[in-house]
Amino acid sequence: MKRSTLIGMIAVGALLACVPLQPAYAYIDPNSAGALYQFLFPLLIAIGSAFAFLRRTIVRACTRLAHAVVAIVRGGRGRATHESRRPGGHAE
């Protein structure tokens, strides 16, 4: 585990230990969850459907981006090795 993550976890633990716990006298109507479900479920279905519909386009774009990055990295290495192989060892 990284040192910064460990320090952050210790800080959060210390903060939670200092906060006094009080009982919450609250009541949530069971029908409130039904209204929330009726709102969020179609929204999640729409997001999932859009992702499934555009999956090939997203994968194609990521593949093109990966190929471009690989070409740039290999192109930089190719020029360096080409210059070092020149007769006389002089780079232009």
Protein backbone atom coordinates (compact mmCIF):
# COMPACT_ATOMS: atom_id res chain seq x y z
CA MET A 1 0.00 0.00 0.00
CA LYS A 2 1.27 3.45 -0.83
CA ARG A 3 2.31 5.69 2.01
CA SER A 4 -0.10 8.49 1.02
CA THR A 5 -3.04 6.05 0.98
CA LEU A 6 -2.11 4.74 4.42
CA ILE A 7 -1.84 8.27 5.82
CA GLY A 8 -5.21 9.19 4.29
CA MET A 9 -6.88 6.13 5.80
CA ILE A 10 -5.43 6.93 9.21
CA ALA A 11 -6.62 10.55 8.93
CA VAL A 12 -10.17 9.48 8.00
CA GLY A 13 -10.20 6.96 10.86
CA ALA A 14 -9.03 9.60 13.34
CA LEU A 15 -11.66 12.05 12.11
CA LEU A 16 -14.44 9.49 12.45
CA ALA A 17 -13.24 8.59 15.94
CA CYS A 18 -13.53 12.25 17.01
CA VAL A 19 -17.07 12.76 15.68
CA PRO A 20 -19.71 12.09 18.34
CA LEU A 21 -22.36 9.61 17.28
CA GLN A 22 -25.96 10.59 17.90
CA PRO A 23 -29.06 8.56 17.17
CA ALA A 24 -31.08 9.81 14.22
CA TYR A 25 -34.77 9.75 14.98
CA ALA A 26 -35.90 9.65 11.40
CA TYR A 27 -38.51 7.76 9.45
CA ILE A 28 -38.36 7.06 5.75
CA ASP A 29 -41.64 6.08 4.18
CA PRO A 30 -41.31 2.75 2.33
CA ASN A 31 -43.15 4.26 -0.61
CA SER A 32 -40.37 6.87 -1.02
CA ALA A 33 -38.01 4.13 -2.17
CA GLY A 34 -40.59 3.10 -4.80
CA ALA A 35 -40.68 6.61 -6.27
CA LEU A 36 -36.90 6.75 -6.30
CA TYR A 37 -36.76 3.35 -8.00
CA GLN A 38 -39.31 4.43 -10.62
CA PHE A 39 -37.13 7.43 -11.44
CA LEU A 40 -33.67 5.83 -11.40
CA PHE A 41 -34.37 2.45 -13.03
CA PRO A 42 -35.42 3.79 -16.46
CA LEU A 43 -32.51 6.25 -16.33
CA LEU A 44 -30.02 3.44 -15.70
CA ILE A 45 -31.61 1.33 -18.45
CA ALA A 46 -31.30 4.25 -20.91
CA ILE A 47 -27.63 4.78 -20.04
CA GLY A 48 -26.88 1.07 -20.39
CA SER A 49 -28.73 0.89 -23.71
CA ALA A 50 -26.86 3.89 -25.09
CA PHE A 51 -23.55 2.32 -24.07
CA ALA A 52 -24.52 -1.00 -25.70
CA PHE A 53 -25.65 0.80 -28.87
CA LEU A 54 -22.44 2.86 -29.10
CA ARG A 55 -20.09 0.09 -27.90
CA ARG A 56 -18.56 -0.59 -31.31
CA THR A 57 -18.02 3.11 -31.92
CA ILE A 58 -16.39 3.54 -28.50
CA VAL A 59 -14.14 0.49 -29.01
CA ARG A 60 -13.17 1.67 -32.51
CA ALA A 61 -12.25 5.14 -31.20
CA CYS A 62 -10.17 3.67 -28.35
CA THR A 63 -8.41 1.34 -30.78
CA ARG A 64 -7.54 4.20 -33.12
CA LEU A 65 -6.23 6.23 -30.20
CA ALA A 66 -4.09 3.31 -29.01
CA HIS A 67 -2.68 2.76 -32.51
CA ALA A 68 -1.87 6.48 -32.81
CA VAL A 69 -0.04 6.47 -29.47
CA VAL A 70 1.92 3.33 -30.40
CA ALA A 71 2.85 4.85 -33.77
CA ILE A 72 4.09 8.03 -32.09
CA VAL A 73 6.15 6.08 -29.55
CA ARG A 74 7.62 3.74 -32.13
CA GLY A 75 8.24 6.63 -34.53
CA GLY A 76 10.34 8.43 -31.93
CA ARG A 77 12.40 5.33 -31.24
CA GLY A 78 12.80 4.60 -34.94
CA ARG A 79 14.35 8.01 -35.63
CA ALA A 80 16.79 7.68 -32.74
CA THR A 81 18.03 4.28 -33.88
CA HIS A 82 18.21 5.47 -37.49
CA GLU A 83 20.42 8.46 -36.54
CA SER A 84 22.78 6.32 -34.48
CA ARG A 85 23.31 3.90 -37.41
CA ARG A 86 24.47 6.58 -39.84
CA PRO A 87 28.04 6.22 -41.06
CA GLY A 88 30.39 8.50 -39.18
CA GLY A 89 28.02 8.78 -36.21
CA HIS A 90 27.01 12.36 -37.06
CA ALA A 91 23.42 13.36 -36.48
CA GLU A 92 21.88 16.14 -38.52
